[in-house]
């Protein structure tokens, strides 16, 4: 099985499966069926079985899935067994909120460095994270072996910061700016546009009603 053969829609659902498997394991559940998992993650059972099938035989017909085995498998698949340092570019309102969030739901993700241009915040420790000047970005990213960055800067300087991140060796960018940034083909970009998400939700409410359980079908 080659990783690139897995559809992106499936890859996006893997953290969701992993999160609920952790809940099941913590509650003492030892096995689970695709139907039971479907009820909690709100993804139809056929889609779950198809997603799991990309990774081989993870369960047994008539038995379901062993929760601990499945949890360990997805932990390894999602690299939960190693720490990933992340850089935050821009410590404004959204950047501050992300620092306070602390990614506490994951044991393997840590914002280890933040960067900004404001003199009143550079040199401070914000929610346990040191804030460096942008001029130190390349040095710190290489020193801390950071491969992922979160971009929360104004749109007018987004591309310039992206260029600097790529020059520093960043391999993946979570882009919270409303513009679509330009990157080489080997740089992974995840765009998170809160306005678009809200507009999409409003559209769903107006055209499909308030019950949105079938929204996952859009990603298939």
N, C-alpha and C. Protein backbone atom coordinates (compact mmCIF):
# COMPACT_ATOMS: atom_id res chain seq x y z
N UNK A 1 0.84 -1.20 0.00
CA UNK A 1 0.00 0.00 0.00
C UNK A 1 0.87 1.25 0.00
N UNK A 2 0.67 2.13 -0.98
CA UNK A 2 1.45 3.35 -1.07
C UNK A 2 0.63 4.50 -0.50
N UNK A 3 1.32 5.34 0.27
CA UNK A 3 0.62 6.43 0.94
C UNK A 3 -0.08 7.35 -0.03
N UNK A 4 0.54 7.58 -1.22
CA UNK A 4 -0.04 8.51 -2.16
C UNK A 4 -1.33 7.96 -2.80
N UNK A 5 -1.61 6.68 -2.62
CA UNK A 5 -2.84 6.12 -3.19
C UNK A 5 -4.05 6.40 -2.32
N UNK A 6 -3.84 6.92 -1.12
CA UNK A 6 -4.94 7.22 -0.22
C UNK A 6 -5.55 8.57 -0.59
N UNK A 7 -6.86 8.65 -0.85
CA UNK A 7 -7.49 9.92 -1.21
C UNK A 7 -7.32 10.96 -0.11
N UNK A 8 -7.24 12.22 -0.48
CA UNK A 8 -7.07 13.28 0.50
C UNK A 8 -8.26 13.34 1.46
N UNK A 9 -9.46 13.05 0.96
CA UNK A 9 -10.64 13.06 1.83
C UNK A 9 -10.51 12.04 2.94
N UNK A 10 -9.94 10.88 2.60
CA UNK A 10 -9.69 9.85 3.62
C UNK A 10 -8.65 10.33 4.61
N UNK A 11 -7.57 10.91 4.12
CA UNK A 11 -6.50 11.39 5.00
C UNK A 11 -7.03 12.43 5.98
N UNK A 12 -7.95 13.28 5.53
CA UNK A 12 -8.51 14.30 6.42
C UNK A 12 -9.36 13.70 7.53
N UNK A 13 -9.90 12.50 7.29
CA UNK A 13 -10.74 11.88 8.32
C UNK A 13 -9.94 11.08 9.34
N UNK A 14 -8.68 10.78 9.05
CA UNK A 14 -7.89 9.95 9.97
C UNK A 14 -7.76 10.54 11.37
N UNK A 15 -7.47 11.85 11.52
CA UNK A 15 -7.41 12.41 12.88
C UNK A 15 -8.73 12.31 13.61
N UNK A 16 -9.84 12.40 12.88
CA UNK A 16 -11.17 12.26 13.49
C UNK A 16 -11.35 10.86 14.05
N UNK A 17 -11.00 9.86 13.26
CA UNK A 17 -11.09 8.48 13.73
C UNK A 17 -10.20 8.29 14.96
N UNK A 18 -8.99 8.79 14.88
CA UNK A 18 -8.03 8.60 15.97
C UNK A 18 -8.54 9.23 17.27
N UNK A 19 -9.11 10.43 17.17
CA UNK A 19 -9.60 11.12 18.36
C UNK A 19 -10.68 10.32 19.07
N UNK A 20 -11.63 9.79 18.29
CA UNK A 20 -12.73 9.05 18.91
C UNK A 20 -12.30 7.66 19.37
N UNK A 21 -11.31 7.09 18.72
CA UNK A 21 -10.77 5.83 19.21
C UNK A 21 -10.11 6.02 20.57
N UNK A 22 -9.49 7.16 20.78
CA UNK A 22 -8.91 7.47 22.08
C UNK A 22 -10.00 7.57 23.14
N UNK A 23 -11.12 8.20 22.79
CA UNK A 23 -12.25 8.30 23.72
C UNK A 23 -12.76 6.91 24.08
N UNK A 24 -12.89 6.05 23.07
CA UNK A 24 -13.39 4.70 23.29
C UNK A 24 -12.44 3.91 24.18
N UNK A 25 -11.13 4.03 23.91
CA UNK A 25 -10.14 3.31 24.71
C UNK A 25 -10.16 3.80 26.16
N UNK A 26 -10.28 5.11 26.36
CA UNK A 26 -10.31 5.67 27.71
C UNK A 26 -11.56 5.24 28.48
N UNK A 27 -12.62 4.95 27.74
CA UNK A 27 -13.87 4.52 28.39
C UNK A 27 -13.91 3.02 28.64
N UNK A 28 -12.84 2.31 28.25
CA UNK A 28 -12.76 0.87 28.49
C UNK A 28 -13.28 0.00 27.38
N UNK A 29 -13.64 0.62 26.24
CA UNK A 29 -14.14 -0.14 25.09
C UNK A 29 -13.02 -0.93 24.45
N UNK A 30 -13.23 -2.22 24.20
CA UNK A 30 -12.18 -3.06 23.64
C UNK A 30 -12.36 -3.36 22.16
N UNK A 31 -13.60 -3.32 21.69
CA UNK A 31 -13.83 -3.53 20.26
C UNK A 31 -14.97 -2.63 19.79
N UNK A 32 -14.97 -2.35 18.49
CA UNK A 32 -15.98 -1.46 17.94
C UNK A 32 -16.26 -1.86 16.50
N UNK A 33 -17.48 -1.72 16.10
CA UNK A 33 -17.87 -2.00 14.72
C UNK A 33 -17.89 -0.70 13.93
N UNK A 34 -17.90 -0.80 12.62
CA UNK A 34 -17.96 0.41 11.79
C UNK A 34 -19.27 1.15 12.03
N UNK A 35 -20.34 0.42 12.33
CA UNK A 35 -21.62 1.05 12.60
C UNK A 35 -21.56 1.87 13.89
N UNK A 36 -20.94 1.31 14.93
CA UNK A 36 -20.80 2.03 16.20
C UNK A 36 -19.92 3.26 16.04
N UNK A 37 -18.82 3.10 15.29
CA UNK A 37 -17.92 4.22 15.06
C UNK A 37 -18.62 5.30 14.23
N UNK A 38 -19.46 4.86 13.32
CA UNK A 38 -20.20 5.79 12.47
C UNK A 38 -21.10 6.71 13.30
N UNK A 39 -21.68 6.17 14.35
CA UNK A 39 -22.61 6.94 15.18
C UNK A 39 -21.92 8.09 15.91
N UNK A 40 -20.64 7.90 16.26
CA UNK A 40 -19.96 8.94 17.01
C UNK A 40 -19.20 9.93 16.13
N UNK A 41 -18.67 9.46 15.00
CA UNK A 41 -17.92 10.38 14.14
C UNK A 41 -18.79 11.01 13.06
N UNK A 42 -20.02 10.54 12.91
CA UNK A 42 -20.96 11.08 11.92
C UNK A 42 -20.45 10.93 10.49
N UNK A 43 -19.83 9.79 10.24
CA UNK A 43 -19.43 9.39 8.88
C UNK A 43 -20.08 8.04 8.64
N UNK A 44 -20.70 7.84 7.48
CA UNK A 44 -21.41 6.58 7.27
C UNK A 44 -20.46 5.39 7.32
N UNK A 45 -20.99 4.26 7.76
CA UNK A 45 -20.16 3.08 8.01
C UNK A 45 -19.47 2.56 6.75
N UNK A 46 -20.11 2.71 5.59
CA UNK A 46 -19.50 2.25 4.34
C UNK A 46 -18.24 3.07 4.03
N UNK A 47 -18.31 4.36 4.31
CA UNK A 47 -17.15 5.22 4.09
C UNK A 47 -16.03 4.85 5.05
N UNK A 48 -16.37 4.55 6.30
CA UNK A 48 -15.36 4.15 7.28
C UNK A 48 -14.67 2.87 6.83
N UNK A 49 -15.46 1.88 6.41
CA UNK A 49 -14.87 0.61 5.97
C UNK A 49 -13.98 0.83 4.75
N UNK A 50 -14.42 1.70 3.84
CA UNK A 50 -13.59 1.97 2.65
C UNK A 50 -12.29 2.69 3.05
N UNK A 51 -12.40 3.65 3.96
CA UNK A 51 -11.21 4.36 4.43
C UNK A 51 -10.21 3.38 5.05
N UNK A 52 -10.71 2.52 5.91
CA UNK A 52 -9.84 1.56 6.59
C UNK A 52 -9.24 0.55 5.62
N UNK A 53 -9.97 0.25 4.55
CA UNK A 53 -9.50 -0.77 3.61
C UNK A 53 -8.22 -0.34 2.88
N UNK A 54 -7.96 0.97 2.80
CA UNK A 54 -6.74 1.44 2.16
C UNK A 54 -5.49 1.00 2.94
N UNK A 55 -5.68 0.64 4.20
CA UNK A 55 -4.55 0.26 5.05
C UNK A 55 -4.46 -1.25 5.25
N UNK A 56 -5.25 -2.01 4.51
CA UNK A 56 -5.22 -3.45 4.64
C UNK A 56 -6.31 -3.96 5.56
N UNK A 57 -6.15 -5.16 6.08
CA UNK A 57 -7.14 -5.78 6.95
C UNK A 57 -6.97 -5.29 8.39
N UNK A 58 -7.75 -4.30 8.76
CA UNK A 58 -7.65 -3.75 10.12
C UNK A 58 -8.67 -4.38 11.07
N UNK A 59 -9.66 -5.06 10.52
CA UNK A 59 -10.68 -5.68 11.36
C UNK A 59 -11.04 -7.06 10.85
N UNK A 60 -11.98 -7.71 11.55
CA UNK A 60 -12.43 -9.04 11.17
C UNK A 60 -13.94 -9.03 10.98
N UNK A 61 -14.39 -9.65 9.91
CA UNK A 61 -15.82 -9.73 9.63
C UNK A 61 -16.52 -10.47 10.77
N UNK A 62 -17.57 -9.89 11.25
CA UNK A 62 -18.34 -10.49 12.34
C UNK A 62 -17.82 -10.14 13.72
N UNK A 63 -16.63 -9.52 13.78
CA UNK A 63 -16.04 -9.14 15.07
C UNK A 63 -15.92 -7.62 15.19
N UNK A 64 -15.55 -6.98 14.09
CA UNK A 64 -15.32 -5.54 14.14
C UNK A 64 -13.84 -5.23 14.26
N UNK A 65 -13.54 -4.17 14.97
CA UNK A 65 -12.17 -3.70 15.09
C UNK A 65 -11.74 -3.72 16.55
N UNK A 66 -10.51 -4.17 16.78
CA UNK A 66 -9.94 -4.12 18.11
C UNK A 66 -9.51 -2.67 18.37
N UNK A 67 -10.07 -2.04 19.39
CA UNK A 67 -9.84 -0.62 19.64
C UNK A 67 -8.38 -0.32 19.89
N UNK A 68 -7.72 -1.09 20.72
CA UNK A 68 -6.32 -0.82 21.05
C UNK A 68 -5.42 -0.97 19.83
N UNK A 69 -5.64 -2.03 19.05
CA UNK A 69 -4.83 -2.25 17.86
C UNK A 69 -5.02 -1.13 16.84
N UNK A 70 -6.29 -0.73 16.68
CA UNK A 70 -6.61 0.34 15.73
C UNK A 70 -6.03 1.66 16.20
N UNK A 71 -6.11 1.90 17.51
CA UNK A 71 -5.56 3.13 18.08
C UNK A 71 -4.06 3.20 17.86
N UNK A 72 -3.36 2.11 18.11
CA UNK A 72 -1.91 2.07 17.93
C UNK A 72 -1.54 2.25 16.46
N UNK A 73 -2.33 1.66 15.58
CA UNK A 73 -2.05 1.76 14.15
C UNK A 73 -2.15 3.22 13.69
N UNK A 74 -3.25 3.88 14.06
CA UNK A 74 -3.43 5.26 13.62
C UNK A 74 -2.48 6.22 14.32
N UNK A 75 -2.07 5.89 15.55
CA UNK A 75 -1.08 6.71 16.24
C UNK A 75 0.23 6.73 15.45
N UNK A 76 0.62 5.56 14.96
CA UNK A 76 1.83 5.47 14.15
C UNK A 76 1.65 6.14 12.80
N UNK A 77 0.48 5.94 12.19
CA UNK A 77 0.19 6.53 10.88
C UNK A 77 0.22 8.05 10.95
N UNK A 78 -0.28 8.61 12.05
CA UNK A 78 -0.35 10.06 12.22
C UNK A 78 0.90 10.62 12.92
N UNK A 79 1.92 9.77 13.08
CA UNK A 79 3.19 10.17 13.70
C UNK A 79 3.01 10.66 15.12
N UNK A 80 2.05 10.07 15.85
CA UNK A 80 1.84 10.43 17.25
C UNK A 80 2.98 9.94 18.13
N UNK A 81 3.84 9.09 17.58
CA UNK A 81 4.94 8.55 18.37
C UNK A 81 6.18 9.45 18.34
N UNK A 82 6.09 10.60 17.68
CA UNK A 82 7.21 11.54 17.68
C UNK A 82 6.71 12.97 17.76
N UNK A 83 7.50 13.83 18.39
CA UNK A 83 7.12 15.22 18.59
C UNK A 83 7.38 16.02 17.32
N UNK A 84 6.40 16.84 16.94
CA UNK A 84 6.54 17.72 15.79
C UNK A 84 6.51 19.16 16.27
N UNK A 85 7.62 19.87 16.06
CA UNK A 85 7.67 21.29 16.39
C UNK A 85 7.08 22.12 15.26
N UNK A 86 6.32 23.14 15.63
CA UNK A 86 5.63 23.99 14.65
C UNK A 86 5.99 25.44 14.93
N UNK A 87 6.13 26.23 13.87
CA UNK A 87 6.39 27.66 14.00
C UNK A 87 5.11 28.44 13.74
N UNK A 88 4.89 29.49 14.52
CA UNK A 88 3.75 30.38 14.31
C UNK A 88 4.27 31.71 13.79
N UNK A 89 3.77 32.12 12.62
CA UNK A 89 4.21 33.36 12.01
C UNK A 89 3.08 34.38 12.14
N UNK A 90 3.26 35.34 13.05
CA UNK A 90 2.24 36.35 13.30
C UNK A 90 1.54 36.12 14.62
N UNK A 91 1.81 36.98 15.61
CA UNK A 91 1.21 36.81 16.93
C UNK A 91 0.19 37.92 17.17
N UNK A 92 -0.79 37.99 16.27
CA UNK A 92 -1.91 38.92 16.44
C UNK A 92 -3.02 38.25 17.22
N UNK A 93 -4.26 38.67 16.97
CA UNK A 93 -5.39 38.11 17.70
C UNK A 93 -5.54 36.62 17.47
N UNK A 94 -5.50 36.21 16.19
CA UNK A 94 -5.64 34.79 15.87
C UNK A 94 -4.42 34.00 16.35
N UNK A 95 -3.23 34.55 16.15
CA UNK A 95 -2.03 33.88 16.60
C UNK A 95 -2.03 33.66 18.10
N UNK A 96 -2.47 34.67 18.85
CA UNK A 96 -2.58 34.55 20.31
C UNK A 96 -3.56 33.46 20.70
N UNK A 97 -4.67 33.39 19.98
CA UNK A 97 -5.68 32.36 20.28
C UNK A 97 -5.11 30.97 20.06
N UNK A 98 -4.31 30.81 19.01
CA UNK A 98 -3.70 29.50 18.73
C UNK A 98 -2.68 29.14 19.80
N UNK A 99 -1.96 30.12 20.31
CA UNK A 99 -1.00 29.86 21.38
C UNK A 99 -1.72 29.43 22.65
N UNK A 100 -2.85 30.07 22.93
CA UNK A 100 -3.61 29.72 24.14
C UNK A 100 -4.25 28.35 24.01
N UNK A 101 -4.63 27.99 22.79
CA UNK A 101 -5.22 26.67 22.57
C UNK A 101 -4.23 25.58 22.92
N UNK A 102 -3.00 25.77 22.54
CA UNK A 102 -1.93 24.87 22.97
C UNK A 102 -1.95 23.49 22.36
N UNK A 103 -2.88 23.23 21.42
CA UNK A 103 -2.93 21.92 20.78
C UNK A 103 -2.92 20.80 21.82
N UNK A 104 -3.69 21.01 22.92
CA UNK A 104 -3.67 20.07 24.04
C UNK A 104 -4.30 18.73 23.71
N UNK A 105 -5.03 18.65 22.61
CA UNK A 105 -5.66 17.38 22.26
C UNK A 105 -4.67 16.43 21.59
N UNK A 106 -3.50 16.91 21.29
CA UNK A 106 -2.49 16.06 20.68
C UNK A 106 -1.22 16.10 21.52
N UNK A 107 -0.63 14.93 21.73
CA UNK A 107 0.60 14.86 22.52
C UNK A 107 1.84 15.07 21.67
N UNK A 108 1.66 15.17 20.35
CA UNK A 108 2.85 15.19 19.49
C UNK A 108 3.03 16.48 18.72
N UNK A 109 2.19 17.49 18.97
CA UNK A 109 2.29 18.76 18.26
C UNK A 109 2.58 19.87 19.26
N UNK A 110 3.61 20.67 18.97
CA UNK A 110 3.96 21.76 19.87
C UNK A 110 4.42 22.97 19.07
N UNK A 111 3.80 24.12 19.34
CA UNK A 111 4.32 25.37 18.79
C UNK A 111 5.55 25.71 19.61
N UNK A 112 6.71 25.59 19.02
CA UNK A 112 7.96 25.80 19.76
C UNK A 112 8.56 27.17 19.53
N UNK A 113 8.08 27.89 18.52
CA UNK A 113 8.62 29.22 18.25
C UNK A 113 7.57 30.06 17.53
N UNK A 114 7.50 31.34 17.90
CA UNK A 114 6.61 32.28 17.22
C UNK A 114 7.44 33.45 16.73
N UNK A 115 6.96 34.10 15.66
CA UNK A 115 7.72 35.19 15.05
C UNK A 115 6.80 36.37 14.75
N UNK A 116 7.31 37.57 14.99
CA UNK A 116 6.51 38.77 14.76
C UNK A 116 7.46 39.93 14.53
N UNK A 117 6.90 41.07 14.10
CA UNK A 117 7.72 42.26 13.85
C UNK A 117 7.52 43.32 14.91
N UNK A 118 6.53 43.15 15.79
CA UNK A 118 6.23 44.18 16.79
C UNK A 118 7.22 44.15 17.94
N UNK A 119 7.79 45.29 18.23
CA UNK A 119 8.81 45.38 19.27
C UNK A 119 8.25 45.09 20.66
N UNK A 120 6.94 45.35 20.85
CA UNK A 120 6.36 45.16 22.18
C UNK A 120 6.15 43.69 22.53
N UNK A 121 6.25 42.82 21.53
CA UNK A 121 6.02 41.39 21.81
C UNK A 121 7.25 40.54 21.54
N UNK A 122 8.12 40.99 20.66
CA UNK A 122 9.35 40.25 20.37
C UNK A 122 10.22 40.19 21.63
N UNK A 123 10.73 39.00 21.91
CA UNK A 123 11.56 38.81 23.09
C UNK A 123 10.79 38.35 24.32
N UNK A 124 9.46 38.29 24.20
CA UNK A 124 8.62 37.84 25.30
C UNK A 124 8.32 36.34 25.17
N UNK A 125 7.83 35.77 26.27
CA UNK A 125 7.33 34.40 26.27
C UNK A 125 5.82 34.49 26.37
N UNK A 126 5.11 34.05 25.36
CA UNK A 126 3.64 34.12 25.33
C UNK A 126 3.07 32.72 25.44
N UNK A 127 2.38 32.47 26.54
CA UNK A 127 1.80 31.14 26.79
C UNK A 127 2.83 30.03 26.61
N UNK A 128 4.03 30.29 27.12
CA UNK A 128 5.08 29.28 27.10
C UNK A 128 5.88 29.21 25.81
N UNK A 129 5.57 30.08 24.85
CA UNK A 129 6.25 30.05 23.55
C UNK A 129 7.07 31.33 23.36
N UNK A 130 8.36 31.21 23.08
CA UNK A 130 9.18 32.40 22.84
C UNK A 130 8.84 33.07 21.51
N UNK A 131 8.80 34.40 21.52
CA UNK A 131 8.51 35.15 20.30
C UNK A 131 9.81 35.79 19.80
N UNK A 132 10.19 35.43 18.59
CA UNK A 132 11.43 35.91 17.99
C UNK A 132 11.13 36.96 16.92
N UNK A 133 12.10 37.81 16.60
CA UNK A 133 11.92 38.72 15.46
C UNK A 133 11.96 37.93 14.15
N UNK A 134 11.32 38.44 13.13
CA UNK A 134 11.30 37.74 11.85
C UNK A 134 12.70 37.54 11.29
N UNK A 135 13.61 38.41 11.67
CA UNK A 135 14.98 38.29 11.19
C UNK A 135 15.66 37.02 11.70
N UNK A 136 15.14 36.44 12.78
CA UNK A 136 15.70 35.21 13.34
C UNK A 136 15.00 33.95 12.83
N UNK A 137 14.01 34.12 11.95
CA UNK A 137 13.16 33.00 11.55
C UNK A 137 13.96 31.86 10.90
N UNK A 138 14.78 32.18 9.94
CA UNK A 138 15.52 31.13 9.23
C UNK A 138 16.43 30.38 10.18
N UNK A 139 17.12 31.10 11.05
CA UNK A 139 18.05 30.47 11.99
C UNK A 139 17.32 29.55 12.97
N UNK A 140 16.19 30.03 13.54
CA UNK A 140 15.47 29.24 14.53
C UNK A 140 14.78 28.02 13.91
N UNK A 141 14.25 28.18 12.71
CA UNK A 141 13.59 27.06 12.05
C UNK A 141 14.59 25.93 11.78
N UNK A 142 15.78 26.29 11.36
CA UNK A 142 16.81 25.27 11.13
C UNK A 142 17.31 24.69 12.45
N UNK A 143 17.50 25.55 13.45
CA UNK A 143 18.02 25.12 14.74
C UNK A 143 17.06 24.16 15.43
N UNK A 144 15.76 24.47 15.37
CA UNK A 144 14.75 23.65 16.03
C UNK A 144 14.19 22.55 15.14
N UNK A 145 14.71 22.44 13.93
CA UNK A 145 14.30 21.41 12.98
C UNK A 145 12.79 21.45 12.74
N UNK A 146 12.29 22.65 12.51
CA UNK A 146 10.86 22.86 12.27
C UNK A 146 10.56 22.69 10.78
N UNK A 147 9.55 21.90 10.47
CA UNK A 147 9.17 21.67 9.07
C UNK A 147 7.77 22.20 8.75
N UNK A 148 7.01 22.61 9.79
CA UNK A 148 5.64 23.06 9.59
C UNK A 148 5.47 24.45 10.20
N UNK A 149 4.76 25.33 9.49
CA UNK A 149 4.51 26.68 9.98
C UNK A 149 3.02 27.01 9.86
N UNK A 150 2.54 27.79 10.83
CA UNK A 150 1.18 28.32 10.80
C UNK A 150 1.28 29.80 10.45
N UNK A 151 0.57 30.21 9.41
CA UNK A 151 0.67 31.58 8.90
C UNK A 151 -0.57 32.37 9.29
N UNK A 152 -0.39 33.39 10.15
CA UNK A 152 -1.51 34.22 10.59
C UNK A 152 -1.15 35.70 10.47
N UNK A 153 -0.54 36.06 9.36
CA UNK A 153 -0.11 37.44 9.13
C UNK A 153 -1.11 38.14 8.22
N UNK A 154 -1.04 39.49 8.11
CA UNK A 154 -1.91 40.20 7.16
C UNK A 154 -1.68 39.72 5.73
N UNK A 155 -2.72 39.77 4.93
CA UNK A 155 -2.64 39.28 3.55
C UNK A 155 -1.54 39.98 2.75
N UNK A 156 -1.31 41.26 3.03
CA UNK A 156 -0.35 42.04 2.25
C UNK A 156 1.08 41.53 2.38
N UNK A 157 1.38 40.82 3.46
CA UNK A 157 2.75 40.32 3.67
C UNK A 157 2.81 38.80 3.68
N UNK A 158 1.70 38.16 3.34
CA UNK A 158 1.64 36.70 3.40
C UNK A 158 2.64 36.04 2.47
N UNK A 159 2.64 36.41 1.20
CA UNK A 159 3.52 35.75 0.24
C UNK A 159 4.99 35.99 0.57
N UNK A 160 5.32 37.19 1.02
CA UNK A 160 6.71 37.48 1.39
C UNK A 160 7.17 36.56 2.52
N UNK A 161 6.30 36.34 3.51
CA UNK A 161 6.64 35.45 4.61
C UNK A 161 6.72 34.00 4.14
N UNK A 162 5.86 33.63 3.22
CA UNK A 162 5.91 32.28 2.67
C UNK A 162 7.24 32.04 1.97
N UNK A 163 7.69 33.01 1.20
CA UNK A 163 8.98 32.88 0.52
C UNK A 163 10.13 32.67 1.51
N UNK A 164 10.06 33.40 2.62
CA UNK A 164 11.10 33.26 3.65
C UNK A 164 11.01 31.89 4.33
N UNK A 165 9.80 31.41 4.54
CA UNK A 165 9.63 30.10 5.16
C UNK A 165 10.19 28.99 4.27
N UNK A 166 9.91 29.08 2.99
CA UNK A 166 10.42 28.08 2.05
C UNK A 166 11.94 28.12 2.01
N UNK A 167 12.50 29.33 2.03
CA UNK A 167 13.96 29.48 2.03
C UNK A 167 14.58 28.90 3.30
N UNK A 168 13.78 28.90 4.41
CA UNK A 168 14.27 28.37 5.68
C UNK A 168 14.14 26.85 5.76
N UNK A 169 13.44 26.25 4.79
CA UNK A 169 13.32 24.79 4.77
C UNK A 169 11.99 24.24 5.21
N UNK A 170 10.98 25.10 5.37
CA UNK A 170 9.65 24.63 5.76
C UNK A 170 9.06 23.75 4.67
N UNK A 171 8.40 22.64 5.09
CA UNK A 171 7.82 21.69 4.14
C UNK A 171 6.29 21.75 4.09
N UNK A 172 5.68 22.32 5.13
CA UNK A 172 4.22 22.39 5.16
C UNK A 172 3.77 23.68 5.81
N UNK A 173 2.69 24.27 5.28
CA UNK A 173 2.18 25.55 5.78
C UNK A 173 0.67 25.45 5.99
N UNK A 174 0.22 25.81 7.19
CA UNK A 174 -1.20 25.98 7.45
C UNK A 174 -1.50 27.46 7.28
N UNK A 175 -2.23 27.79 6.25
CA UNK A 175 -2.45 29.17 5.85
C UNK A 175 -3.79 29.69 6.35
N UNK A 176 -3.75 30.58 7.34
CA UNK A 176 -4.97 31.17 7.87
C UNK A 176 -5.30 32.50 7.19
N UNK A 177 -4.50 32.93 6.22
CA UNK A 177 -4.80 34.18 5.51
C UNK A 177 -5.83 33.90 4.43
N UNK A 178 -6.61 34.91 4.02
CA UNK A 178 -7.65 34.68 3.01
C UNK A 178 -7.14 34.55 1.59
N UNK A 179 -5.84 34.78 1.36
CA UNK A 179 -5.32 34.65 0.00
C UNK A 179 -4.73 33.27 -0.22
N UNK A 180 -4.64 32.86 -1.47
CA UNK A 180 -4.01 31.60 -1.83
C UNK A 180 -2.55 31.87 -2.15
N UNK A 181 -1.68 31.28 -1.35
CA UNK A 181 -0.25 31.54 -1.48
C UNK A 181 0.36 30.68 -2.58
N UNK A 182 1.46 31.15 -3.13
CA UNK A 182 2.18 30.43 -4.18
C UNK A 182 3.36 29.69 -3.56
N UNK A 183 3.43 28.39 -3.80
CA UNK A 183 4.52 27.57 -3.28
C UNK A 183 4.97 26.57 -4.32
N UNK A 184 6.19 26.05 -4.19
CA UNK A 184 6.62 24.96 -5.08
C UNK A 184 5.73 23.73 -4.88
N UNK A 185 5.72 22.84 -5.85
CA UNK A 185 4.81 21.69 -5.82
C UNK A 185 5.08 20.75 -4.65
N UNK A 186 6.32 20.78 -4.11
CA UNK A 186 6.63 19.85 -3.04
C UNK A 186 6.34 20.41 -1.64
N UNK A 187 5.75 21.59 -1.56
CA UNK A 187 5.35 22.18 -0.28
C UNK A 187 3.86 21.93 -0.07
N UNK A 188 3.52 21.30 1.04
CA UNK A 188 2.13 21.02 1.35
C UNK A 188 1.49 22.25 2.00
N UNK A 189 0.32 22.64 1.50
CA UNK A 189 -0.39 23.81 2.03
C UNK A 189 -1.81 23.41 2.43
N UNK A 190 -2.18 23.77 3.64
CA UNK A 190 -3.55 23.56 4.11
C UNK A 190 -4.14 24.95 4.34
N UNK A 191 -5.16 25.31 3.54
CA UNK A 191 -5.80 26.62 3.67
C UNK A 191 -6.97 26.54 4.63
N UNK A 192 -6.97 27.45 5.61
CA UNK A 192 -8.05 27.51 6.59
C UNK A 192 -8.64 28.91 6.53
N UNK A 193 -9.77 29.05 5.84
CA UNK A 193 -10.42 30.35 5.68
C UNK A 193 -11.72 30.33 6.48
N UNK A 194 -11.74 30.99 7.62
CA UNK A 194 -12.90 30.95 8.50
C UNK A 194 -14.12 31.61 7.86
N UNK A 195 -13.90 32.66 7.07
CA UNK A 195 -15.02 33.32 6.40
C UNK A 195 -15.67 32.38 5.40
N UNK A 196 -14.85 31.67 4.62
CA UNK A 196 -15.39 30.71 3.66
C UNK A 196 -16.17 29.61 4.36
N UNK A 197 -15.65 29.13 5.50
CA UNK A 197 -16.33 28.07 6.23
C UNK A 197 -17.70 28.54 6.71
N UNK A 198 -17.76 29.77 7.22
CA UNK A 198 -19.04 30.32 7.68
C UNK A 198 -20.01 30.51 6.52
N UNK A 199 -19.51 30.99 5.39
CA UNK A 199 -20.36 31.18 4.22
C UNK A 199 -20.89 29.84 3.71
N UNK A 200 -20.03 28.82 3.76
CA UNK A 200 -20.46 27.47 3.37
C UNK A 200 -21.54 26.96 4.30
N UNK A 201 -21.37 27.19 5.61
CA UNK A 201 -22.37 26.76 6.58
C UNK A 201 -23.70 27.47 6.35
N UNK A 202 -23.65 28.76 6.07
CA UNK A 202 -24.87 29.52 5.79
C UNK A 202 -25.57 28.96 4.54
N UNK A 203 -24.78 28.62 3.53
CA UNK A 203 -25.36 28.05 2.31
C UNK A 203 -26.06 26.73 2.62
N UNK A 204 -25.40 25.87 3.41
CA UNK A 204 -26.00 24.59 3.78
C UNK A 204 -27.30 24.79 4.53
N UNK A 205 -27.31 25.74 5.46
CA UNK A 205 -28.52 25.99 6.25
C UNK A 205 -29.67 26.45 5.36
N UNK A 206 -29.33 27.28 4.37
CA UNK A 206 -30.37 27.83 3.50
C UNK A 206 -30.87 26.83 2.46
N UNK A 207 -30.03 25.86 2.09
CA UNK A 207 -30.40 24.96 1.00
C UNK A 207 -30.65 23.52 1.43
N UNK A 208 -30.13 23.12 2.57
CA UNK A 208 -30.27 21.74 3.01
C UNK A 208 -30.95 21.60 4.36
N UNK A 209 -31.23 22.71 5.01
CA UNK A 209 -31.84 22.64 6.34
C UNK A 209 -30.80 22.54 7.42
N UNK A 210 -31.23 22.53 8.68
CA UNK A 210 -30.29 22.58 9.81
C UNK A 210 -29.56 21.28 10.10
N UNK A 211 -29.99 20.15 9.53
CA UNK A 211 -29.37 18.87 9.84
C UNK A 211 -28.27 18.59 8.82
N UNK A 212 -27.01 18.57 9.27
CA UNK A 212 -25.88 18.53 8.35
C UNK A 212 -25.06 17.26 8.44
N UNK A 213 -25.67 16.16 8.89
CA UNK A 213 -24.90 14.94 9.06
C UNK A 213 -24.28 14.46 7.75
N UNK A 214 -24.91 14.82 6.61
CA UNK A 214 -24.42 14.32 5.33
C UNK A 214 -23.33 15.21 4.73
N UNK A 215 -22.86 16.18 5.50
CA UNK A 215 -21.85 17.09 4.99
C UNK A 215 -20.58 16.37 4.58
N UNK A 216 -20.24 15.27 5.28
CA UNK A 216 -19.02 14.54 4.96
C UNK A 216 -19.02 14.05 3.52
N UNK A 217 -20.20 13.82 2.96
CA UNK A 217 -20.27 13.30 1.60
C UNK A 217 -19.68 14.28 0.60
N UNK A 218 -19.64 15.57 0.94
CA UNK A 218 -19.13 16.57 0.05
C UNK A 218 -17.63 16.38 -0.17
N UNK A 219 -16.94 15.84 0.85
CA UNK A 219 -15.48 15.69 0.76
C UNK A 219 -15.05 14.45 0.01
N UNK A 220 -16.01 13.58 -0.34
CA UNK A 220 -15.62 12.32 -0.97
C UNK A 220 -15.17 12.55 -2.40
